[in-house]
Amino acid sequence: MEEKEKKNQMTDPSLEGSPSAQNEASQAAADVDAVMKKYDRESNTRVWTGVPGMIVKCIIIAFSIWCIWVTLFATFLEEIRLTSFLGLVILMGFLVYPAKKGETRENYMPWYDILMMAAGMASYFYFTFNAETIIQQGTRFTPLQIVIGIVGIVILLEVTRRCVGLPILLVALFFVCYALFFGLTNPSFYGRVRYFVRNVFYTKEGIFSTPVNVCSRYIVIFRVCHPLN
């Protein structure tokens, strides 16, 4: 008899708006969020509320509009479009995804994340604003340009780890190590690093190849607003 009464209380529409029912619903939603943050990497996002939350959403919306505009109307170099795209991806990657699971502090971003975000954006936007010069200089890259390329590659790997997880990062690192220590034939280690960075960061055969091109034109428009919905 008691079980029947409890069942009637749970299904009674008049109780749906009661404080106890609302508390139970809020607790259930919090439990679901906790489970998703634990097992689903894409659900482990920063908590932005109030004005900071609106600013982050506006940045993401502006990014979507930018992608649509450059896809339909832009006539500048592909290198400019792709490097600016990844520079903005670095920005949003750090704004949306924390360094590790379980970070739920509202409207908070640690200083080292801000530093890495700024360094990553600077490396890609350096390419954006110097694309014509970089293309014309051929294989003549300065040590500073090599360092900028290394920073861009490392920061992109970190954003990938935060968004997708560790396994794909390990696969990428395996091929990077193989190229630097076994695949390339230059007797100088700096020569191998220089060749690797030039081909991976400063050409359309590495980072800026077909997958990123397709993503910048099509995938991001349907996917970019998902983390903050």
Protein backbone atom coordinates (compact mmCIF):
# COMPACT_ATOMS: atom_id res chain seq x y z
CA MET A 1 0.00 0.00 0.00
CA GLU A 2 2.80 2.41 0.90
CA GLU A 3 4.62 1.67 -2.38
CA LYS A 4 1.42 2.48 -4.28
CA GLU A 5 1.08 5.83 -2.49
CA LYS A 6 4.71 6.73 -3.27
CA LYS A 7 4.16 5.86 -6.90
CA ASN A 8 1.05 8.05 -7.02
CA GLN A 9 3.03 10.93 -5.49
CA MET A 10 5.76 10.59 -8.09
CA THR A 11 3.25 10.64 -10.96
CA ASP A 12 0.96 13.30 -9.53
CA PRO A 13 1.09 16.34 -11.88
CA SER A 14 0.28 18.67 -9.01
CA LEU A 15 3.64 17.87 -7.42
CA GLU A 16 5.71 18.67 -10.47
CA GLY A 17 6.06 22.33 -9.58
CA SER A 18 6.67 21.79 -5.85
CA PRO A 19 10.01 22.80 -4.30
CA SER A 20 10.88 19.20 -3.49
CA ALA A 21 10.27 18.11 -7.09
CA GLN A 22 12.35 21.00 -8.40
CA ASN A 23 15.16 20.14 -6.00
CA GLU A 24 15.07 16.51 -7.10
CA ALA A 25 15.15 17.57 -10.76
CA SER A 26 18.09 19.92 -10.12
CA GLN A 27 19.96 17.20 -8.26
CA ALA A 28 19.30 14.72 -11.06
CA ALA A 29 20.58 17.22 -13.64
CA ALA A 30 23.69 17.86 -11.53
CA ASP A 31 24.31 14.11 -11.25
CA VAL A 32 24.00 13.72 -15.03
CA ASP A 33 26.42 16.63 -15.58
CA ALA A 34 28.90 15.07 -13.15
CA VAL A 35 28.77 11.72 -14.93
CA MET A 36 29.15 13.38 -18.35
CA LYS A 37 32.11 15.45 -17.17
CA LYS A 38 33.75 12.29 -15.86
CA TYR A 39 33.35 10.12 -18.95
CA ASP A 40 32.69 12.48 -21.87
CA ARG A 41 35.58 14.84 -22.59
CA GLU A 42 33.45 17.22 -24.65
CA SER A 43 31.16 17.72 -21.66
CA ASN A 44 34.05 18.76 -19.42
CA THR A 45 33.87 22.47 -20.17
CA ARG A 46 34.53 25.62 -18.20
CA VAL A 47 31.63 27.21 -16.35
CA TRP A 48 30.98 30.72 -17.65
CA THR A 49 28.00 32.61 -16.22
CA GLY A 50 26.68 36.16 -16.27
CA VAL A 51 28.57 38.73 -18.31
CA PRO A 52 31.65 36.50 -18.91
CA GLY A 53 29.33 33.77 -20.20
CA MET A 54 27.69 36.18 -22.62
CA ILE A 55 31.09 37.37 -23.83
CA VAL A 56 32.24 33.80 -24.52
CA LYS A 57 29.01 33.02 -26.39
CA CYS A 58 29.37 36.19 -28.45
CA ILE A 59 32.93 35.18 -29.37
CA ILE A 60 31.71 31.78 -30.53
CA ILE A 61 28.85 33.30 -32.53
CA ALA A 62 31.22 35.83 -34.12
CA PHE A 63 33.56 32.97 -35.02
CA SER A 64 30.71 31.13 -36.78
CA ILE A 65 29.81 34.27 -38.72
CA TRP A 66 33.47 34.73 -39.66
CA CYS A 67 33.66 31.16 -40.99
CA ILE A 68 30.52 31.66 -43.09
CA TRP A 69 31.78 34.98 -44.46
CA VAL A 70 35.23 33.75 -45.45
CA THR A 71 33.72 30.63 -47.03
CA LEU A 72 31.26 32.55 -49.20
CA PHE A 73 32.92 35.89 -49.91
CA ALA A 74 36.62 36.00 -49.02
CA THR A 75 39.12 36.26 -51.86
CA PHE A 76 42.38 36.40 -49.93
CA LEU A 77 45.00 33.67 -49.70
CA GLU A 78 44.10 30.24 -48.35
CA GLU A 79 46.99 30.56 -45.89
CA ILE A 80 45.39 33.67 -44.40
CA ARG A 81 42.02 31.98 -44.01
CA LEU A 82 43.38 28.77 -42.50
CA THR A 83 45.86 30.37 -40.10
CA SER A 84 43.29 32.87 -38.80
CA PHE A 85 40.83 30.00 -38.41
CA LEU A 86 43.22 27.99 -36.24
CA GLY A 87 44.22 31.09 -34.29
CA LEU A 88 40.58 31.56 -33.32
CA VAL A 89 40.23 27.84 -32.59
CA ILE A 90 43.10 28.17 -30.10
CA LEU A 91 41.24 31.08 -28.46
CA MET A 92 38.00 29.14 -28.07
CA GLY A 93 39.73 25.90 -27.15
CA PHE A 94 41.22 27.49 -24.05
CA LEU A 95 38.05 29.45 -23.24
CA VAL A 96 35.86 26.34 -23.35
CA TYR A 97 38.05 23.44 -22.19
CA PRO A 98 40.01 23.36 -18.89
CA ALA A 99 43.35 21.60 -18.49
CA LYS A 100 41.90 18.64 -16.58
CA LYS A 101 38.62 17.06 -15.60
CA GLY A 102 36.65 18.32 -12.65
CA GLU A 103 37.45 22.03 -12.90
CA THR A 104 34.07 23.63 -12.09
CA ARG A 105 35.04 27.02 -10.69
CA GLU A 106 32.80 29.65 -12.27
CA ASN A 107 34.24 32.42 -14.44
CA TYR A 108 37.82 31.36 -13.78
CA MET A 109 40.76 30.80 -16.09
CA PRO A 110 44.23 30.20 -14.64
CA TRP A 111 47.12 32.42 -15.67
CA TYR A 112 49.00 29.63 -17.41
CA ASP A 113 46.00 28.96 -19.66
CA ILE A 114 45.87 32.65 -20.56
CA LEU A 115 49.60 32.59 -21.32
CA MET A 116 49.35 29.47 -23.52
CA MET A 117 46.27 30.84 -25.28
CA ALA A 118 48.05 34.13 -26.08
CA ALA A 119 51.20 32.34 -27.28
CA GLY A 120 49.22 29.97 -29.51
CA MET A 121 47.13 32.74 -31.03
CA ALA A 122 50.22 34.88 -31.61
CA SER A 123 51.98 32.09 -33.52
CA TYR A 124 49.08 31.53 -35.93
CA PHE A 125 48.26 35.20 -36.40
CA TYR A 126 51.94 35.86 -37.09
CA PHE A 127 51.51 33.58 -40.10
CA THR A 128 48.21 35.31 -40.96
CA PHE A 129 49.71 38.80 -41.14
CA ASN A 130 52.94 37.67 -42.83
CA ALA A 131 51.54 35.04 -45.18
CA GLU A 132 52.77 36.59 -48.44
CA THR A 133 56.28 37.12 -47.08
CA ILE A 134 56.46 33.58 -45.72
CA ILE A 135 55.30 32.09 -49.02
CA GLN A 136 57.83 34.11 -51.03
CA GLN A 137 60.80 33.30 -48.82
CA GLY A 138 60.69 29.63 -49.80
CA THR A 139 62.84 27.50 -47.50
CA ARG A 140 64.76 30.38 -45.91
CA PHE A 141 63.37 30.43 -42.38
CA THR A 142 64.94 32.28 -39.46
CA PRO A 143 65.41 30.64 -36.04
CA LEU A 144 62.66 32.91 -34.66
CA GLN A 145 60.21 31.61 -37.26
CA ILE A 146 61.12 28.05 -36.32
CA VAL A 147 60.43 28.81 -32.66
CA ILE A 148 57.08 30.37 -33.59
CA GLY A 149 56.20 27.24 -35.55
CA ILE A 150 57.15 24.98 -32.63
CA VAL A 151 54.98 27.03 -30.26
CA GLY A 152 52.04 26.80 -32.68
CA ILE A 153 52.39 23.02 -33.03
CA VAL A 154 52.75 22.40 -29.27
CA ILE A 155 49.79 24.61 -28.33
CA LEU A 156 47.62 22.96 -30.98
CA LEU A 157 48.54 19.55 -29.54
CA GLU A 158 47.50 20.75 -26.08
CA VAL A 159 44.13 22.00 -27.36
CA THR A 160 43.66 18.64 -29.09
CA ARG A 161 44.34 16.82 -25.81
CA ARG A 162 41.78 18.94 -24.00
CA CYS A 163 39.09 18.53 -26.64
CA VAL A 164 39.56 14.91 -27.73
CA GLY A 165 41.71 13.20 -25.14
CA LEU A 166 45.11 11.63 -24.65
CA PRO A 167 45.04 8.68 -27.13
CA ILE A 168 45.04 10.78 -30.30
CA LEU A 169 47.76 12.99 -28.81
CA LEU A 170 49.95 9.93 -28.21
CA VAL A 171 49.45 8.84 -31.82
CA ALA A 172 50.49 12.28 -33.06
CA LEU A 173 53.53 12.36 -30.77
CA PHE A 174 54.59 8.93 -31.99
CA PHE A 175 54.72 10.12 -35.59
CA VAL A 176 56.47 13.36 -34.59
CA CYS A 177 59.18 11.41 -32.76
CA TYR A 178 59.49 8.94 -35.62
CA ALA A 179 59.98 11.78 -38.12
CA LEU A 180 62.58 13.57 -36.00
CA PHE A 181 64.64 10.55 -34.97
CA PHE A 182 64.17 8.02 -37.79
CA GLY A 183 62.21 9.36 -40.77
CA LEU A 184 64.25 12.41 -41.75
CA THR A 185 67.78 11.99 -43.07
CA ASN A 186 69.39 15.34 -42.25
CA PRO A 187 72.46 14.57 -40.08
CA SER A 188 71.84 17.67 -37.92
CA PHE A 189 69.03 17.43 -35.36
CA TYR A 190 68.32 21.15 -35.79
CA GLY A 191 68.13 20.55 -39.54
CA ARG A 192 65.53 17.85 -39.01
CA VAL A 193 63.54 20.07 -36.65
CA ARG A 194 63.76 22.96 -39.12
CA TYR A 195 62.55 20.78 -42.00
CA PHE A 196 59.77 19.28 -39.88
CA VAL A 197 58.45 22.64 -38.65
CA ARG A 198 58.63 24.18 -42.12
CA ASN A 199 56.57 21.39 -43.66
CA VAL A 200 54.12 20.93 -40.81
CA PHE A 201 53.48 24.57 -39.88
CA TYR A 202 54.39 26.72 -42.88
CA THR A 203 52.91 24.72 -45.77
CA LYS A 204 49.51 23.31 -46.67
CA GLU A 205 50.86 19.76 -46.44
CA GLY A 206 50.84 19.65 -42.64
CA ILE A 207 48.47 21.31 -40.19
CA PHE A 208 46.75 23.36 -42.89
CA SER A 209 45.96 20.41 -45.15
CA THR A 210 42.59 19.05 -46.32
CA PRO A 211 41.07 18.10 -42.90
CA VAL A 212 41.46 21.63 -41.47
CA ASN A 213 40.31 23.13 -44.78
CA VAL A 214 37.11 21.06 -44.72
CA CYS A 215 36.57 21.80 -41.05
CA SER A 216 36.93 25.55 -41.56
CA ARG A 217 34.44 25.56 -44.43
CA TYR A 218 31.73 23.15 -43.29
CA ILE A 219 32.06 21.25 -40.01
CA VAL A 220 32.66 24.15 -37.65
CA ILE A 221 29.49 25.97 -38.71
CA PHE A 222 27.35 23.11 -37.39
CA ARG A 223 29.53 22.17 -34.43
CA VAL A 224 31.10 25.23 -32.88
CA CYS A 225 28.20 26.28 -30.60
CA HIS A 226 27.68 22.81 -29.11
CA PRO A 227 29.87 23.10 -25.97
CA LEU A 228 27.89 26.02 -24.51
CA ASN A 229 24.36 24.95 -25.47
